[in-house]
């Protein structure tokens, strides 16, 4: 009963109407991925604080729960993930690559969405978290856990790529590994300063984007503001000039007008919300 009510509330908070996502949230036990109590919550206002109570029912609310406070790695807001998962749109039988899988909770939700005929590849950079995810997901034959640098995945192709950390540029494989009609959902962000009591660096300006492969081009849409922990590994080393331009674009506003991604091409600067060294987000519709 608690999980079903939680599922309905998480979708309602951000206006998501999706029966498959509601069922997935109601099915997966969140406590199985967060370790034993006492648990710790993360707040943008007062950093980390203990969650009062040892009954797992306390986890069934819109809490950001710490996985590794020293690095600022959390099990993120369920309501936000409900909205991002709707944008990703995983279908039964699909192959989804989950980059930044953490302890595997949202990998399990994805596994429910793609069903037994689908496949989830859960990629986690941190070995300790990857081991936790592998243990918690061991009963799900449609999930494979990989410890490695998420910028290298998908290795072949995927119907969807779901990224759970902020970057100032999408990795090449996230774009080039999409199947026709495949979607990438990722948090685009400008790294912020290290904040007291918040662990690792988080984006100070950011938005979750959806990229969809369409024929010879890529459609792009902003989904929601999003302030995730910044990436580690190769994808975390952003180009300084591009980061500065991205900061200017966020400061100017207007990301809601983005309609296409120009990837390793020559965009029209007048049509761009942001133009980096080899990619751009533009206001023109995708071809």
Protein backbone atom coordinates (compact mmCIF):
# COMPACT_ATOMS: atom_id res chain seq x y z
CA UNK A 1 0.00 0.00 0.00
CA UNK A 2 2.80 2.44 0.89
CA UNK A 3 4.62 1.88 -2.41
CA UNK A 4 1.44 2.28 -4.45
CA UNK A 5 0.58 5.56 -2.72
CA UNK A 6 4.19 6.73 -3.13
CA UNK A 7 4.13 5.89 -6.84
CA UNK A 8 0.97 7.91 -7.39
CA UNK A 9 2.31 10.86 -5.40
CA UNK A 10 5.67 10.95 -7.22
CA UNK A 11 3.97 11.07 -10.60
CA UNK A 12 1.42 13.62 -9.43
CA UNK A 13 4.03 16.05 -8.07
CA UNK A 14 5.37 16.86 -11.54
CA UNK A 15 2.22 16.08 -13.47
CA UNK A 16 3.29 12.75 -14.97
CA UNK A 17 0.51 10.48 -16.24
CA UNK A 18 2.05 7.10 -17.10
CA UNK A 19 0.65 3.81 -15.87
CA UNK A 20 3.82 1.82 -16.64
CA UNK A 21 6.04 4.16 -14.60
CA UNK A 22 3.54 4.18 -11.74
CA UNK A 23 3.53 0.37 -11.68
CA UNK A 24 7.34 0.22 -11.78
CA UNK A 25 7.65 2.62 -8.83
CA UNK A 26 5.02 0.65 -6.92
CA UNK A 27 6.83 -2.64 -7.59
CA UNK A 28 10.50 -1.91 -6.78
CA UNK A 29 11.35 -1.81 -3.03
CA UNK A 30 13.46 1.33 -2.57
CA UNK A 31 14.91 0.15 0.76
CA UNK A 32 16.55 -2.83 -0.97
CA UNK A 33 18.97 -0.40 -2.67
CA UNK A 34 19.66 2.09 0.14
CA UNK A 35 21.23 -0.14 2.77
CA UNK A 36 20.12 -0.50 6.38
CA UNK A 37 18.87 2.40 8.50
CA UNK A 38 19.71 4.99 9.68
CA UNK A 39 19.41 6.73 6.32
CA UNK A 40 20.59 10.22 5.39
CA UNK A 41 18.74 12.77 3.27
CA UNK A 42 20.25 15.50 1.13
CA UNK A 43 18.79 19.01 1.00
CA UNK A 44 19.96 21.99 -1.10
CA UNK A 45 19.40 24.19 1.95
CA UNK A 46 21.09 22.38 4.84
CA UNK A 47 23.24 19.67 3.27
CA UNK A 48 22.94 16.18 4.71
CA UNK A 49 20.74 15.36 7.67
CA UNK A 50 19.57 12.10 9.26
CA UNK A 51 16.17 10.71 8.34
CA UNK A 52 14.22 10.08 11.52
CA UNK A 53 12.79 6.58 11.77
CA UNK A 54 13.87 3.06 10.92
CA UNK A 55 10.70 1.86 9.20
CA UNK A 56 11.28 1.71 5.40
CA UNK A 57 7.99 3.51 4.92
CA UNK A 58 9.87 6.78 5.57
CA UNK A 59 11.68 6.27 2.25
CA UNK A 60 8.44 6.42 0.28
CA UNK A 61 8.33 10.15 -0.19
CA UNK A 62 10.15 12.64 -2.43
CA UNK A 63 13.45 12.38 -0.58
CA UNK A 64 16.95 12.56 -2.04
CA UNK A 65 18.73 9.85 -0.04
CA UNK A 66 22.52 9.74 0.32
CA UNK A 67 24.52 6.88 -1.17
CA UNK A 68 28.00 8.36 -0.68
CA UNK A 69 27.80 11.74 1.11
CA UNK A 70 31.55 12.37 0.85
CA UNK A 71 31.24 12.46 -2.95
CA UNK A 72 27.79 14.01 -3.08
CA UNK A 73 26.31 10.89 -4.68
CA UNK A 74 22.63 10.32 -3.91
CA UNK A 75 19.59 8.30 -4.83
CA UNK A 76 17.83 11.21 -6.47
CA UNK A 77 14.35 12.70 -6.31
CA UNK A 78 11.76 10.09 -7.36
CA UNK A 79 9.39 12.73 -8.73
CA UNK A 80 12.11 14.18 -10.98
CA UNK A 81 13.09 10.70 -12.16
CA UNK A 82 9.44 9.96 -12.96
CA UNK A 83 9.42 12.97 -15.29
CA UNK A 84 12.77 12.07 -16.86
CA UNK A 85 11.75 8.44 -17.38
CA UNK A 86 8.59 9.56 -19.14
CA UNK A 87 10.75 11.67 -21.47
CA UNK A 88 13.04 8.69 -22.10
CA UNK A 89 10.00 6.54 -22.94
CA UNK A 90 11.49 3.03 -22.53
CA UNK A 91 9.33 0.38 -24.19
CA UNK A 92 9.02 -3.35 -23.46
CA UNK A 93 11.84 -5.22 -25.19
CA UNK A 94 14.13 -2.17 -25.41
CA UNK A 95 17.82 -2.02 -24.50
CA UNK A 96 18.52 0.87 -22.12
CA UNK A 97 21.95 1.91 -20.89
CA UNK A 98 21.79 3.49 -17.43
CA UNK A 99 24.92 5.59 -16.92
CA UNK A 100 25.63 6.54 -13.31
CA UNK A 101 23.55 3.69 -11.90
CA UNK A 102 24.59 4.26 -8.28
CA UNK A 103 23.22 1.46 -6.11
CA UNK A 104 20.80 0.36 -8.83
CA UNK A 105 17.35 1.58 -7.73
CA UNK A 106 16.49 3.36 -10.96
CA UNK A 107 18.11 0.52 -12.93
CA UNK A 108 15.52 -1.75 -11.31
CA UNK A 109 12.75 0.67 -12.26
CA UNK A 110 14.05 0.63 -15.85
CA UNK A 111 14.13 -3.17 -15.75
CA UNK A 112 10.43 -3.17 -14.89
CA UNK A 113 9.72 -0.80 -17.78
CA UNK A 114 11.57 -2.80 -20.46
CA UNK A 115 10.23 -6.11 -19.13
CA UNK A 116 11.72 -9.60 -19.37
CA UNK A 117 12.31 -9.28 -23.12
CA UNK A 118 14.31 -6.07 -22.62
CA UNK A 119 17.79 -5.39 -21.30
CA UNK A 120 19.26 -2.79 -18.95
CA UNK A 121 23.00 -2.20 -18.88
CA UNK A 122 23.75 -0.42 -15.59
CA UNK A 123 27.11 1.38 -15.68
CA UNK A 124 28.64 2.70 -12.45
CA UNK A 125 32.07 4.34 -12.14
CA UNK A 126 32.58 3.73 -8.41
CA UNK A 127 33.56 0.10 -7.63
CA UNK A 128 31.87 0.02 -4.20
CA UNK A 129 28.56 1.28 -5.59
CA UNK A 130 28.84 -1.07 -8.57
CA UNK A 131 29.21 -4.01 -6.19
CA UNK A 132 26.16 -2.85 -4.23
CA UNK A 133 24.15 -2.52 -7.44
CA UNK A 134 25.23 -5.96 -8.65
CA UNK A 135 24.17 -7.55 -5.36
CA UNK A 136 20.81 -5.77 -5.24
CA UNK A 137 20.05 -6.49 -8.92
CA UNK A 138 21.28 -10.09 -8.92
CA UNK A 139 17.74 -11.44 -9.08
CA UNK A 140 16.95 -9.55 -12.30
CA UNK A 141 18.19 -11.48 -15.35
CA UNK A 142 17.43 -8.55 -17.66
CA UNK A 143 20.00 -6.30 -15.91
CA UNK A 144 23.76 -6.37 -16.39
CA UNK A 145 25.93 -4.27 -14.06
CA UNK A 146 29.22 -2.90 -15.38
CA UNK A 147 31.88 -1.06 -13.37
CA UNK A 148 33.50 1.43 -15.70
CA UNK A 149 33.60 4.89 -17.25
CA UNK A 150 30.11 5.74 -18.48
CA UNK A 151 31.45 7.80 -21.39
CA UNK A 152 32.32 4.53 -23.18
CA UNK A 153 28.76 3.22 -23.27
CA UNK A 154 26.76 2.03 -25.14
CA UNK A 155 29.43 -0.13 -26.74
CA UNK A 156 27.25 -1.04 -29.73
CA UNK A 157 23.79 0.54 -29.92
CA UNK A 158 20.93 1.19 -27.53
CA UNK A 159 17.31 2.26 -27.70
CA UNK A 160 17.87 4.63 -24.81
CA UNK A 161 20.65 6.12 -22.70
CA UNK A 162 19.72 7.42 -19.24
CA UNK A 163 22.41 9.49 -17.52
CA UNK A 164 22.33 10.37 -13.83
CA UNK A 165 25.11 12.93 -13.40
CA UNK A 166 25.72 16.39 -14.82
CA UNK A 167 28.03 17.07 -17.76
CA UNK A 168 28.86 20.17 -19.79
CA UNK A 169 28.91 18.08 -23.00
CA UNK A 170 27.35 14.71 -23.82
CA UNK A 171 29.81 11.88 -24.42
CA UNK A 172 30.30 10.81 -28.03
CA UNK A 173 28.99 7.29 -27.39
CA UNK A 174 25.74 8.57 -25.83
CA UNK A 175 24.90 10.29 -29.11
CA UNK A 176 26.52 8.01 -31.66
CA UNK A 177 25.37 4.82 -29.95
CA UNK A 178 21.66 5.65 -30.24
CA UNK A 179 19.59 3.42 -32.48
CA UNK A 180 17.27 5.14 -35.00
CA UNK A 181 14.49 6.64 -32.90
CA UNK A 182 16.59 6.14 -29.76
CA UNK A 183 16.59 8.71 -26.98
CA UNK A 184 19.21 10.12 -24.64
CA UNK A 185 18.15 11.82 -21.41
CA UNK A 186 20.96 13.58 -19.53
CA UNK A 187 21.54 16.53 -17.19
CA UNK A 188 23.42 19.36 -18.90
CA UNK A 189 25.09 21.50 -16.27
CA UNK A 190 27.65 24.16 -15.44
CA UNK A 191 29.83 23.02 -12.52
CA UNK A 192 29.24 25.04 -9.38
CA UNK A 193 31.50 25.72 -6.41
CA UNK A 194 32.09 23.15 -3.72
CA UNK A 195 29.37 23.76 -1.12
CA UNK A 196 29.83 23.05 2.59
CA UNK A 197 28.22 19.80 3.78
CA UNK A 198 27.13 18.75 0.28
CA UNK A 199 29.90 16.34 -0.75
CA UNK A 200 30.96 16.56 -4.39
CA UNK A 201 30.40 19.45 -6.79
CA UNK A 202 26.94 19.90 -8.27
CA UNK A 203 25.82 21.94 -11.26
CA UNK A 204 24.96 25.53 -10.36
CA UNK A 205 22.94 25.96 -13.55
CA UNK A 206 21.46 22.98 -15.28
CA UNK A 207 18.64 21.32 -17.16
CA UNK A 208 17.76 17.79 -18.15
CA UNK A 209 17.61 17.36 -21.93
CA UNK A 210 16.13 14.74 -24.22
CA UNK A 211 17.94 14.02 -27.49
CA UNK A 212 16.18 11.83 -30.09
CA UNK A 213 17.83 10.36 -33.17
CA UNK A 214 15.73 11.18 -36.25
CA UNK A 215 17.04 10.14 -39.65
CA UNK A 216 20.10 12.27 -40.31
CA UNK A 217 19.52 14.64 -37.39
CA UNK A 218 18.76 14.88 -33.71
CA UNK A 219 15.74 16.48 -32.06
CA UNK A 220 16.35 18.11 -28.67
CA UNK A 221 14.07 19.33 -25.87
CA UNK A 222 14.60 20.69 -22.37
CA UNK A 223 12.64 18.60 -19.86
CA UNK A 224 13.18 20.21 -16.49
CA UNK A 225 15.67 22.16 -14.37
CA UNK A 226 18.13 19.64 -12.90
CA UNK A 227 21.10 20.05 -10.57
CA UNK A 228 22.93 16.72 -10.43
CA UNK A 229 26.35 15.89 -9.01
CA UNK A 230 29.03 16.55 -11.63
CA UNK A 231 30.57 13.70 -13.58
CA UNK A 232 33.71 11.81 -12.70
CA UNK A 233 35.98 10.05 -15.19
CA UNK A 234 36.73 11.12 -18.76
CA UNK A 235 33.35 12.76 -19.39
CA UNK A 236 33.84 15.06 -16.40
CA UNK A 237 36.75 16.90 -18.00
CA UNK A 238 34.86 19.59 -19.89
CA UNK A 239 36.46 22.10 -22.26
CA UNK A 240 36.96 25.36 -20.33
CA UNK A 241 35.89 27.59 -23.23
CA UNK A 242 32.75 25.54 -23.83
CA UNK A 243 31.87 25.63 -20.12
CA UNK A 244 32.20 29.42 -20.16
CA UNK A 245 29.92 29.67 -23.22
CA UNK A 246 27.44 27.28 -21.62
CA UNK A 247 27.34 29.43 -18.50
CA UNK A 248 26.54 32.46 -20.66
CA UNK A 249 23.76 30.56 -22.44
CA UNK A 250 22.12 29.53 -19.18
CA UNK A 251 22.41 33.08 -17.85
CA UNK A 252 20.69 34.43 -20.97
CA UNK A 253 17.79 31.98 -20.59
CA UNK A 254 15.69 30.54 -23.37
CA UNK A 255 16.65 26.87 -23.20
CA UNK A 256 12.96 26.00 -23.62
CA UNK A 257 13.27 27.12 -27.25
CA UNK A 258 15.87 24.44 -28.09
CA UNK A 259 14.58 22.04 -30.76
CA UNK A 260 17.63 20.33 -32.26
CA UNK A 261 21.16 19.13 -31.63
CA UNK A 262 23.86 19.78 -34.22
CA UNK A 263 26.49 17.10 -33.68
CA UNK A 264 29.97 17.61 -35.11
CA UNK A 265 28.58 19.86 -37.78
CA UNK A 266 28.51 23.55 -38.67
CA UNK A 267 25.48 25.26 -37.11
CA UNK A 268 24.07 28.67 -37.91
CA UNK A 269 25.21 30.76 -34.90
CA UNK A 270 22.08 32.91 -35.13
CA UNK A 271 19.90 29.82 -34.64
CA UNK A 272 21.82 28.46 -31.65
CA UNK A 273 21.00 28.69 -27.97
CA UNK A 274 24.50 27.31 -27.35
CA UNK A 275 27.36 26.56 -29.74
CA UNK A 276 30.43 24.66 -28.53
CA UNK A 277 33.56 23.50 -30.27
CA UNK A 278 31.89 20.54 -32.02
CA UNK A 279 28.23 20.54 -31.03
CA UNK A 280 25.36 22.96 -30.65
CA UNK A 281 21.81 23.24 -29.31
CA UNK A 282 19.65 25.14 -31.79
CA UNK A 283 16.19 26.60 -32.08
CA UNK A 284 15.59 25.14 -35.56
CA UNK A 285 13.59 21.91 -35.82
CA UNK A 286 15.58 18.75 -36.53
CA UNK A 287 15.53 17.49 -40.13
